[in-house]
């Protein structure tokens, strides 16, 4: 058991060593960069405080990300600082934007690392020192020096001599168990101040007006623009993405691969419209990129399928047509287009049937009212019931027609109840005034008269059963012959 714990300890220990190529832990680096922001803002009025979060985000990246953005930072940090300074001078905008601020933060991180103690010391001692500093960094008193322009090869060589002069003392005291309590503690303010002033001087050299622009390779400019596009893509603000990708493209023309890399990230962020625009820009530069044509077609097909799910058939058809235009050989595009066309035709046919049923129902209502005006109440009720049956043929698929149907049903039901009341009142009057009046025979006679005139046009063979149904609803004593 003890052996297992011992082995695990060393695995974790050496893993930490592999992540700690420099001193100054993450909290210390951000603290140094944050204080540098205030120094430069005060001296140059550069409005860096407004972009403090972006600068600190740049300082907070991992070492792996740092080496991806500035590959030479791992092997030659001083040369990397000089190259980054020249690049940021060359691309400096009139107004500092979020990505430029982020890159200042990245450079601040690299500068802080390059001026940290114990860079070449025993990794174990470096980790112990770094851990101790992380606990004390917020309480360190900092000393600032006047700003100066940086010539990296000379400037950092001078600082290196100051830093190395203490490294041996730190190592000896940590090995002798004095640790941070000795020289490391008493010189912490001076050590951190060296890094703070170095970061401030590097930024000052970039941001001070009137700097001479050095030659920067197109490769470096394109990498800056690509990383900028990726930066804005990951922020996820569509308007910001459009504006800044155009600015970066004005700085250096994008290649097809640059467009594609940024578009791939945007697709993953579900910012699809801009991604498709960038894919199309890539195709404009190289129409033979069939893989990009397929990506565009896949996008339109996916969007078309979603439109089908929400019954937006015309929109789906247009999207499937777009997919075919992007990639005529797409395996699904033509099939989906035909399915959308068929769905539109079937829907239009159902809509026509619904409209025709509404017209028939309204005609039956109109005929029923004519019958009621001539006193043929029972006939009117039968016609209205047929109108109800016709309204039932109208589906709820189409909102407008469904609304007309429901309104018609309410009107017809109310009118039937009204006519039933009239029929009942008439039956009472007839039965009281004429003792020998036979209501059933009279209604049957009305039925025979109506059959030759109205039924041929509007009433089917169920008319007579409709009359009988109405009679069954009347009180039985009214129908008795008196």
Protein backbone atom coordinates (compact mmCIF):
# COMPACT_ATOMS: atom_id res chain seq x y z
CA UNK A 1 0.00 0.00 0.00
CA UNK A 2 2.80 2.41 0.97
CA UNK A 3 4.60 1.60 -2.27
CA UNK A 4 1.46 2.42 -4.30
CA UNK A 5 1.01 5.80 -2.56
CA UNK A 6 4.72 6.52 -3.03
CA UNK A 7 4.52 5.79 -6.78
CA UNK A 8 1.35 7.88 -7.13
CA UNK A 9 3.06 10.81 -5.40
CA UNK A 10 5.93 10.77 -7.88
CA UNK A 11 3.58 10.47 -10.87
CA UNK A 12 1.68 13.60 -9.73
CA UNK A 13 4.94 15.36 -8.82
CA UNK A 14 6.58 14.85 -12.20
CA UNK A 15 3.30 15.75 -13.94
CA UNK A 16 3.37 19.11 -12.14
CA UNK A 17 7.00 19.59 -13.15
CA UNK A 18 6.09 19.08 -16.80
CA UNK A 19 3.49 21.86 -16.54
CA UNK A 20 5.79 24.33 -14.81
CA UNK A 21 8.45 25.34 -17.30
CA UNK A 22 8.79 28.77 -15.64
CA UNK A 23 8.33 30.37 -12.28
CA UNK A 24 5.47 32.76 -11.53
CA UNK A 25 2.32 30.69 -11.22
CA UNK A 26 -0.94 31.66 -12.91
CA UNK A 27 -2.10 34.00 -10.11
CA UNK A 28 1.26 35.77 -10.08
CA UNK A 29 1.30 36.21 -13.86
CA UNK A 30 -2.19 37.73 -13.91
CA UNK A 31 -1.32 39.99 -10.96
CA UNK A 32 1.79 41.26 -12.77
CA UNK A 33 -0.14 41.88 -16.00
CA UNK A 34 -3.01 43.56 -14.15
CA UNK A 35 -0.65 46.02 -12.45
CA UNK A 36 1.04 46.72 -15.78
CA UNK A 37 -2.36 47.68 -17.24
CA UNK A 38 -2.74 50.41 -14.62
CA UNK A 39 0.79 51.66 -15.17
CA UNK A 40 0.45 52.01 -18.95
CA UNK A 41 -3.07 53.40 -18.77
CA UNK A 42 -1.79 56.12 -16.47
CA UNK A 43 1.25 56.97 -18.58
CA UNK A 44 -0.15 56.67 -22.12
CA UNK A 45 -3.89 57.08 -21.60
CA UNK A 46 -4.28 53.96 -23.75
CA UNK A 47 -7.73 52.99 -22.44
CA UNK A 48 -6.46 49.53 -21.52
CA UNK A 49 -8.71 49.40 -18.45
CA UNK A 50 -11.74 49.17 -20.73
CA UNK A 51 -10.27 45.97 -22.15
CA UNK A 52 -8.86 44.68 -18.87
CA UNK A 53 -10.74 41.38 -19.09
CA UNK A 54 -9.42 40.62 -22.57
CA UNK A 55 -5.84 41.42 -21.51
CA UNK A 56 -6.12 39.26 -18.40
CA UNK A 57 -7.64 36.46 -20.48
CA UNK A 58 -4.56 36.59 -22.67
CA UNK A 59 -2.33 36.34 -19.61
CA UNK A 60 -4.38 33.41 -18.28
CA UNK A 61 -3.91 31.05 -21.25
CA UNK A 62 -2.11 27.76 -20.70
CA UNK A 63 1.48 27.26 -21.75
CA UNK A 64 0.26 24.90 -24.50
CA UNK A 65 -1.93 27.66 -25.95
CA UNK A 66 0.93 30.14 -25.63
CA UNK A 67 3.21 27.88 -27.68
CA UNK A 68 0.46 27.41 -30.26
CA UNK A 69 0.02 31.19 -30.67
CA UNK A 70 3.77 31.98 -30.46
CA UNK A 71 5.63 28.74 -31.31
CA UNK A 72 9.12 30.14 -30.64
CA UNK A 73 8.14 31.04 -27.06
CA UNK A 74 9.12 27.54 -25.91
CA UNK A 75 12.62 27.46 -27.39
CA UNK A 76 13.66 31.14 -27.54
CA UNK A 77 11.41 33.37 -25.41
CA UNK A 78 13.44 36.57 -25.96
CA UNK A 79 13.29 36.20 -29.75
CA UNK A 80 9.58 35.39 -29.40
CA UNK A 81 9.02 38.62 -27.43
CA UNK A 82 10.83 40.65 -30.10
CA UNK A 83 8.87 39.05 -32.95
CA UNK A 84 5.56 39.60 -31.15
CA UNK A 85 6.46 43.23 -30.42
CA UNK A 86 7.22 43.86 -34.10
CA UNK A 87 3.98 42.15 -35.12
CA UNK A 88 1.84 44.18 -32.69
CA UNK A 89 3.49 47.42 -33.84
CA UNK A 90 2.75 46.50 -37.47
CA UNK A 91 -0.93 45.60 -36.90
CA UNK A 92 -1.71 48.23 -34.25
CA UNK A 93 -5.22 49.60 -34.87
CA UNK A 94 -6.24 53.20 -34.30
CA UNK A 95 -8.40 52.02 -31.45
CA UNK A 96 -7.35 48.95 -29.49
CA UNK A 97 -9.83 46.15 -30.13
CA UNK A 98 -10.54 43.06 -27.99
CA UNK A 99 -8.25 40.73 -29.94
CA UNK A 100 -5.34 43.17 -29.91
CA UNK A 101 -5.83 43.53 -26.15
CA UNK A 102 -5.83 39.74 -25.82
CA UNK A 103 -2.52 39.54 -27.68
CA UNK A 104 -1.06 42.20 -25.36
CA UNK A 105 -2.05 39.91 -22.50
CA UNK A 106 -0.38 36.94 -24.16
CA UNK A 107 2.81 38.98 -24.62
CA UNK A 108 2.55 40.12 -20.99
CA UNK A 109 2.40 36.49 -19.86
CA UNK A 110 5.46 35.60 -21.95
CA UNK A 111 7.39 38.64 -20.66
CA UNK A 112 6.56 37.80 -17.04
CA UNK A 113 7.74 34.24 -17.58
CA UNK A 114 10.96 35.38 -19.26
CA UNK A 115 11.80 37.58 -16.26
CA UNK A 116 10.90 35.11 -13.51
CA UNK A 117 13.46 33.67 -11.05
CA UNK A 118 14.74 30.10 -11.13
CA UNK A 119 14.03 29.49 -14.82
CA UNK A 120 16.99 27.11 -15.14
CA UNK A 121 16.94 25.80 -11.59
CA UNK A 122 16.13 22.36 -10.25
CA UNK A 123 12.46 21.79 -11.18
CA UNK A 124 11.62 20.72 -7.62
CA UNK A 125 12.92 23.98 -6.16
CA UNK A 126 11.23 26.00 -8.87
CA UNK A 127 7.86 24.38 -8.08
CA UNK A 128 8.28 24.97 -4.34
CA UNK A 129 9.24 28.62 -4.86
CA UNK A 130 6.39 29.18 -7.28
CA UNK A 131 3.91 27.68 -4.82
CA UNK A 132 5.16 29.96 -2.03
CA UNK A 133 4.91 33.06 -4.23
CA UNK A 134 1.32 32.23 -5.21
CA UNK A 135 0.34 32.48 -1.54
CA UNK A 136 2.03 35.87 -1.07
CA UNK A 137 1.55 37.66 -4.41
CA UNK A 138 -1.49 39.72 -3.44
CA UNK A 139 0.40 41.34 -0.56
CA UNK A 140 3.58 42.28 -2.42
CA UNK A 141 4.60 45.96 -2.51
CA UNK A 142 5.65 46.86 -6.04
CA UNK A 143 8.29 49.35 -7.14
CA UNK A 144 7.93 51.05 -10.51
CA UNK A 145 10.66 52.54 -12.67
CA UNK A 146 10.44 55.17 -15.45
CA UNK A 147 9.27 53.69 -18.75
CA UNK A 148 11.87 52.95 -21.42
CA UNK A 149 11.78 51.60 -24.96
CA UNK A 150 12.83 48.01 -25.16
CA UNK A 151 15.52 46.58 -27.39
CA UNK A 152 14.85 42.96 -26.40
CA UNK A 153 18.32 41.49 -26.91
CA UNK A 154 19.94 44.19 -24.74
CA UNK A 155 17.09 44.85 -22.29
CA UNK A 156 16.49 41.23 -21.26
CA UNK A 157 20.21 40.40 -21.12
CA UNK A 158 20.60 43.06 -18.43
CA UNK A 159 17.59 41.77 -16.48
CA UNK A 160 18.84 38.20 -16.74
CA UNK A 161 22.04 39.08 -14.89
CA UNK A 162 20.01 40.56 -12.02
CA UNK A 163 17.75 37.51 -11.87
CA UNK A 164 20.54 34.92 -12.02
CA UNK A 165 22.46 36.61 -9.21
CA UNK A 166 19.78 35.49 -6.74
CA UNK A 167 18.92 32.09 -8.21
CA UNK A 168 21.87 30.30 -6.56
CA UNK A 169 20.99 31.77 -3.17
CA UNK A 170 17.34 30.64 -3.56
CA UNK A 171 18.47 27.12 -4.45
CA UNK A 172 20.87 26.87 -1.52
CA UNK A 173 18.28 28.10 0.99
CA UNK A 174 15.56 25.75 -0.28
CA UNK A 175 18.00 22.82 -0.15
CA UNK A 176 18.96 23.74 3.41
CA UNK A 177 15.30 23.88 4.50
CA UNK A 178 15.29 27.67 4.94
CA UNK A 179 13.00 27.83 1.95
CA UNK A 180 10.92 30.93 1.35
CA UNK A 181 11.69 32.35 4.81
CA UNK A 182 15.13 33.53 3.74
CA UNK A 183 16.24 35.62 0.75
CA UNK A 184 13.23 34.54 -1.34
CA UNK A 185 10.92 36.38 1.04
CA UNK A 186 13.00 39.53 1.45
CA UNK A 187 13.58 39.94 -2.29
CA UNK A 188 10.09 39.00 -3.49
CA UNK A 189 9.03 42.62 -3.98
CA UNK A 190 12.08 43.34 -6.10
CA UNK A 191 11.70 40.15 -8.16
CA UNK A 192 8.05 40.76 -8.95
CA UNK A 193 8.75 44.44 -9.68
CA UNK A 194 11.33 43.40 -12.31
CA UNK A 195 8.64 41.45 -14.17
CA UNK A 196 6.04 44.20 -13.72
CA UNK A 197 8.31 46.88 -15.16
CA UNK A 198 9.40 44.57 -17.98
CA UNK A 199 5.80 43.98 -19.05
CA UNK A 200 5.04 47.71 -18.82
CA UNK A 201 8.16 48.62 -20.82
CA UNK A 202 7.37 46.09 -23.55
CA UNK A 203 3.80 47.41 -23.89
CA UNK A 204 5.07 51.00 -23.77
CA UNK A 205 7.46 50.27 -26.64
CA UNK A 206 4.53 48.98 -28.72
CA UNK A 207 1.86 51.55 -27.85
CA UNK A 208 3.88 54.77 -27.69
CA UNK A 209 3.09 56.90 -30.79
CA UNK A 210 5.58 57.24 -33.62
CA UNK A 211 6.99 53.74 -33.59
CA UNK A 212 8.81 52.61 -36.75
CA UNK A 213 7.07 49.63 -38.32
CA UNK A 214 9.41 46.70 -38.83
CA UNK A 215 9.06 44.27 -41.69
CA UNK A 216 6.69 41.48 -40.70
CA UNK A 217 6.28 38.43 -42.89
CA UNK A 218 2.99 37.65 -44.57
CA UNK A 219 3.02 34.29 -42.79
CA UNK A 220 3.09 36.08 -39.41
CA UNK A 221 0.30 38.45 -40.50
CA UNK A 222 -1.87 35.58 -41.70
CA UNK A 223 -1.33 33.65 -38.50
CA UNK A 224 -2.30 36.77 -36.52
CA UNK A 225 -5.43 37.19 -38.65
CA UNK A 226 -6.35 33.51 -38.37
CA UNK A 227 -5.95 33.50 -34.60
CA UNK A 228 -7.99 36.71 -34.50
CA UNK A 229 -10.80 35.11 -36.49
CA UNK A 230 -10.77 32.12 -34.14
CA UNK A 231 -10.74 34.48 -31.14
CA UNK A 232 -13.87 36.32 -32.30
CA UNK A 233 -15.58 33.10 -33.39
CA UNK A 234 -15.23 31.66 -29.89
CA UNK A 235 -16.70 34.83 -28.36
CA UNK A 236 -19.90 34.06 -30.24
CA UNK A 237 -21.10 37.61 -31.03
CA UNK A 238 -22.33 37.54 -34.64
CA UNK A 239 -22.05 41.28 -35.28
CA UNK A 240 -18.58 41.41 -33.73
CA UNK A 241 -17.51 38.41 -35.82
CA UNK A 242 -18.62 39.99 -39.11
CA UNK A 243 -16.98 43.34 -38.41
CA UNK A 244 -13.65 42.00 -37.19
CA UNK A 245 -13.24 39.25 -39.77
CA UNK A 246 -13.58 41.96 -42.40
CA UNK A 247 -10.96 44.08 -40.59
CA UNK A 248 -8.60 41.13 -40.37
CA UNK A 249 -9.17 40.33 -44.04
CA UNK A 250 -8.30 43.95 -44.88
CA UNK A 251 -5.09 43.52 -42.89
CA UNK A 252 -4.07 40.46 -44.90
CA UNK A 253 -6.15 38.59 -47.51
CA UNK A 254 -7.58 35.36 -46.14
CA UNK A 255 -6.71 32.07 -47.75
CA UNK A 256 -9.30 29.35 -48.30
CA UNK A 257 -7.94 27.39 -45.34
CA UNK A 258 -8.24 30.42 -43.07
CA UNK A 259 -11.90 30.83 -44.01
CA UNK A 260 -12.51 27.12 -43.49
CA UNK A 261 -10.83 26.91 -40.07
CA UNK A 262 -12.88 29.83 -38.74
CA UNK A 263 -16.07 28.52 -40.34
CA UNK A 264 -15.57 25.10 -38.75
CA UNK A 265 -15.44 26.72 -35.33
CA UNK A 266 -18.54 28.80 -36.09
CA UNK A 267 -20.45 25.67 -37.12
CA UNK A 268 -19.52 24.13 -33.77
CA UNK A 269 -20.79 27.30 -32.06
CA UNK A 270 -24.07 27.04 -34.03
CA UNK A 271 -23.36 30.39 -35.75
CA UNK A 272 -24.22 28.82 -39.06
CA UNK A 273 -25.12 31.75 -41.30
CA UNK A 274 -21.69 33.39 -41.00
CA UNK A 275 -20.00 29.99 -41.27
CA UNK A 276 -21.74 29.36 -44.61
CA UNK A 277 -20.65 32.80 -45.84
CA UNK A 278 -17.04 31.94 -45.00
CA UNK A 279 -17.31 28.52 -46.66
CA UNK A 280 -18.61 30.27 -49.78
CA UNK A 281 -15.66 32.68 -49.62
CA UNK A 282 -13.34 29.66 -49.52
CA UNK A 283 -15.12 28.14 -52.53
CA UNK A 284 -14.77 31.41 -54.42
CA UNK A 285 -11.00 31.06 -53.97
CA UNK A 286 -11.01 27.37 -54.86
CA UNK A 287 -14.16 26.00 -56.54
CA UNK A 288 -12.70 22.48 -56.54
CA UNK A 289 -13.08 22.08 -52.78
CA UNK A 290 -15.82 19.43 -52.94
CA UNK A 291 -15.54 18.85 -49.20
CA UNK A 292 -16.65 22.44 -48.60
CA UNK A 293 -19.49 22.14 -51.14
CA UNK A 294 -20.69 19.10 -49.19
CA UNK A 295 -20.52 20.98 -45.88
CA UNK A 296 -22.64 23.79 -47.31
CA UNK A 297 -25.16 21.32 -48.73
CA UNK A 298 -25.31 19.43 -45.44
CA UNK A 299 -26.08 22.69 -43.66
CA UNK A 300 -28.98 23.49 -46.00
CA UNK A 301 -30.34 19.94 -45.74
CA UNK A 302 -30.22 19.98 -41.97
CA UNK A 303 -31.99 23.34 -41.92
CA UNK A 304 -34.51 22.11 -44.51
CA UNK A 305 -35.33 19.04 -42.41
CA UNK A 306 -35.98 21.30 -39.42
CA UNK A 307 -38.28 23.42 -41.58
CA UNK A 308 -40.19 20.26 -42.57
CA UNK A 309 -40.66 19.37 -38.90
CA UNK A 310 -42.38 22.73 -38.33
CA UNK A 311 -44.49 22.41 -41.53
CA UNK A 312 -42.65 25.28 -43.28
CA UNK A 313 -42.77 23.48 -46.62
CA UNK A 314 -41.88 26.35 -48.98
CA UNK A 315 -38.91 27.27 -46.79
CA UNK A 316 -37.80 23.62 -46.77
CA UNK A 317 -38.11 23.41 -50.57
CA UNK A 318 -35.96 26.53 -50.99
CA UNK A 319 -33.31 25.13 -48.64
CA UNK A 320 -33.19 21.80 -50.47
CA UNK A 321 -32.80 23.71 -53.74
CA UNK A 322 -29.89 25.59 -52.13
CA UNK A 323 -28.35 22.26 -51.17
CA UNK A 324 -28.58 21.05 -54.77
CA UNK A 325 -27.02 24.29 -56.02
CA UNK A 326 -24.14 23.87 -53.56
CA UNK A 327 -23.60 20.17 -54.28
CA UNK A 328 -25.56 18.69 -57.21
CA UNK A 329 -24.20 15.23 -56.38
CA UNK A 330 -25.38 15.22 -52.77
CA UNK A 331 -26.98 11.79 -52.10
CA UNK A 332 -30.07 13.18 -50.31
CA UNK A 333 -30.74 16.63 -51.73
CA UNK A 334 -32.84 15.72 -54.82
CA UNK A 335 -34.90 13.14 -52.94
CA UNK A 336 -35.71 15.63 -50.19
CA UNK A 337 -36.57 18.30 -52.75
CA UNK A 338 -39.08 15.96 -54.44
CA UNK A 339 -40.57 15.01 -51.07
CA UNK A 340 -41.02 18.69 -50.21
CA UNK A 341 -42.72 19.36 -53.55
CA UNK A 342 -45.04 16.39 -53.03
CA UNK A 343 -45.87 17.55 -49.50
CA UNK A 344 -46.72 21.03 -50.81
CA UNK A 345 -49.08 19.58 -53.47
CA UNK A 346 -50.79 17.32 -50.94
CA UNK A 347 -51.18 20.17 -48.49
CA UNK A 348 -52.61 22.46 -51.17
CA UNK A 349 -55.11 19.75 -52.13
CA UNK A 350 -56.22 19.41 -48.50
CA UNK A 351 -56.54 23.16 -48.24
CA UNK A 352 -58.74 23.24 -51.37
CA UNK A 353 -60.96 20.52 -49.88
CA UNK A 354 -61.30 22.48 -46.66
CA UNK A 355 -62.25 25.65 -48.53
CA UNK A 356 -64.78 23.78 -50.65
CA UNK A 357 -66.37 22.28 -47.51
CA UNK A 358 -66.62 25.73 -45.97
CA UNK A 359 -68.36 27.02 -49.10
CA UNK A 360 -70.88 24.11 -49.01
CA UNK A 361 -71.55 24.70 -45.32
CA UNK A 362 -72.13 28.40 -45.89
CA UNK A 363 -74.49 27.60 -48.80
CA UNK A 364 -76.50 25.25 -46.57
CA UNK A 365 -76.71 28.01 -43.94
CA UNK A 366 -77.95 30.46 -46.55
CA UNK A 367 -80.60 28.03 -47.84
CA UNK A 368 -81.67 27.26 -44.27
CA UNK A 369 -82.26 30.96 -43.60
CA UNK A 370 -84.40 31.21 -46.72
CA UNK A 371 -86.48 28.29 -45.47
CA UNK A 372 -86.85 29.89 -42.05
CA UNK A 373 -88.05 33.16 -43.61
CA UNK A 374 -90.91 31.30 -45.33
CA UNK A 375 -91.89 29.64 -42.06
CA UNK A 376 -90.41 26.23 -42.84
CA UNK A 377 -88.61 25.89 -39.57
CA UNK A 378 -88.19 22.12 -39.50
CA UNK A 379 -86.67 22.16 -42.98
CA UNK A 380 -84.32 24.96 -41.92
CA UNK A 381 -83.11 22.94 -38.92
CA UNK A 382 -82.40 19.92 -41.12
CA UNK A 383 -80.35 22.07 -43.47
CA UNK A 384 -78.42 23.58 -40.55
CA UNK A 385 -77.60 20.12 -39.22
CA UNK A 386 -76.26 19.21 -42.62
CA UNK A 387 -74.17 22.38 -42.45
CA UNK A 388 -72.73 21.14 -39.12
CA UNK A 389 -71.84 17.81 -40.70
CA UNK A 390 -70.13 19.68 -43.55
CA UNK A 391 -68.16 21.84 -41.12
CA UNK A 392 -66.89 18.62 -39.53
CA UNK A 393 -65.18 17.83 -42.84
CA UNK A 394 -62.88 20.83 -42.26
CA UNK A 395 -59.68 19.80 -40.46
CA UNK A 396 -57.75 21.86 -37.91
CA UNK A 397 -54.59 21.81 -40.08
CA UNK A 398 -55.10 25.32 -41.46
CA UNK A 399 -55.59 28.03 -38.79
CA UNK A 400 -57.70 30.45 -40.86
CA UNK A 401 -60.04 27.78 -42.20
CA UNK A 402 -60.25 26.16 -38.76
CA UNK A 403 -61.19 29.53 -37.30
CA UNK A 404 -63.93 29.95 -39.91
CA UNK A 405 -65.16 26.42 -39.16
CA UNK A 406 -65.39 27.01 -35.40
CA UNK A 407 -67.15 30.33 -35.91
CA UNK A 408 -69.62 28.70 -38.32
CA UNK A 409 -70.34 25.85 -35.87
CA UNK A 410 -71.07 28.34 -33.07
CA UNK A 411 -73.44 30.32 -35.30
CA UNK A 412 -75.23 27.22 -36.59
CA UNK A 413 -75.71 25.67 -33.13
CA UNK A 414 -77.09 28.93 -31.78
CA UNK A 415 -79.45 29.24 -34.77
CA UNK A 416 -80.67 25.63 -34.37
CA UNK A 417 -81.57 26.29 -30.73
CA UNK A 418 -83.35 29.47 -31.75
CA UNK A 419 -85.36 27.68 -34.47
CA UNK A 420 -86.21 24.81 -32.14
CA UNK A 421 -87.73 27.34 -29.78
CA UNK A 422 -89.79 28.81 -32.61
CA UNK A 423 -90.92 25.34 -33.72
CA UNK A 424 -91.95 24.44 -30.19
CA UNK A 425 -93.90 27.68 -29.79
CA UNK A 426 -95.67 27.14 -33.12
CA UNK A 427 -96.59 23.59 -32.15
CA UNK A 428 -98.13 24.82 -28.90
CA UNK A 429 -100.14 27.49 -30.70
CA UNK A 430 -101.45 25.11 -33.32
CA UNK A 431 -102.38 22.41 -30.80
CA UNK A 432 -104.29 24.90 -28.66
CA UNK A 433 -106.07 26.79 -31.42
CA UNK A 434 -106.91 23.85 -33.65
CA UNK A 435 -107.90 20.74 -31.62
CA UNK A 436 -107.98 18.55 -34.72
CA UNK A 437 -104.55 19.68 -35.99
CA UNK A 438 -102.23 16.74 -36.72
CA UNK A 439 -98.62 18.03 -36.47
CA UNK A 440 -96.97 14.86 -37.83
CA UNK A 441 -99.10 14.77 -40.96
CA UNK A 442 -98.51 18.50 -41.51
CA UNK A 443 -94.76 18.15 -41.23
CA UNK A 444 -94.81 15.18 -43.59
CA UNK A 445 -96.77 17.27 -46.09
CA UNK A 446 -94.16 20.02 -45.76
CA UNK A 447 -91.49 17.44 -46.37
CA UNK A 448 -93.17 16.27 -49.60
CA UNK A 449 -93.44 19.85 -50.88
CA UNK A 450 -89.84 20.66 -50.05
CA UNK A 451 -88.56 17.48 -51.66
CA UNK A 452 -89.54 18.58 -55.15
CA UNK A 453 -87.94 22.02 -54.84
CA UNK A 454 -85.12 22.20 -52.29
CA UNK A 455 -83.92 18.67 -51.67
CA UNK A 456 -82.71 18.18 -55.23
CA UNK A 457 -80.13 20.91 -54.72
CA UNK A 458 -79.21 20.92 -51.07
CA UNK A 459 -80.63 18.03 -49.04
CA UNK A 460 -79.68 14.36 -49.29
CA UNK A 461 -81.77 11.24 -48.66
CA UNK A 462 -81.55 11.75 -44.90
CA UNK A 463 -84.00 14.66 -44.99
CA UNK A 464 -86.96 12.64 -43.78
CA UNK A 465 -85.03 11.09 -40.94
CA UNK A 466 -83.98 14.63 -40.03
CA UNK A 467 -87.63 15.69 -39.80
CA UNK A 468 -88.43 12.68 -37.63
CA UNK A 469 -85.47 13.51 -35.39
CA UNK A 470 -86.80 17.02 -34.86
CA UNK A 471 -90.28 15.67 -34.04
CA UNK A 472 -88.83 13.29 -31.47
CA UNK A 473 -87.27 16.22 -29.66
CA UNK A 474 -90.67 17.91 -29.16
CA UNK A 475 -92.77 17.16 -26.03
CA UNK A 476 -95.02 14.13 -26.67
CA UNK A 477 -98.26 15.81 -25.50
CA UNK A 478 -97.92 18.51 -28.17
CA UNK A 479 -97.97 15.92 -30.93
CA UNK A 480 -101.21 14.33 -29.76
CA UNK A 481 -104.25 15.01 -32.00
CA UNK A 482 -106.86 16.93 -30.10
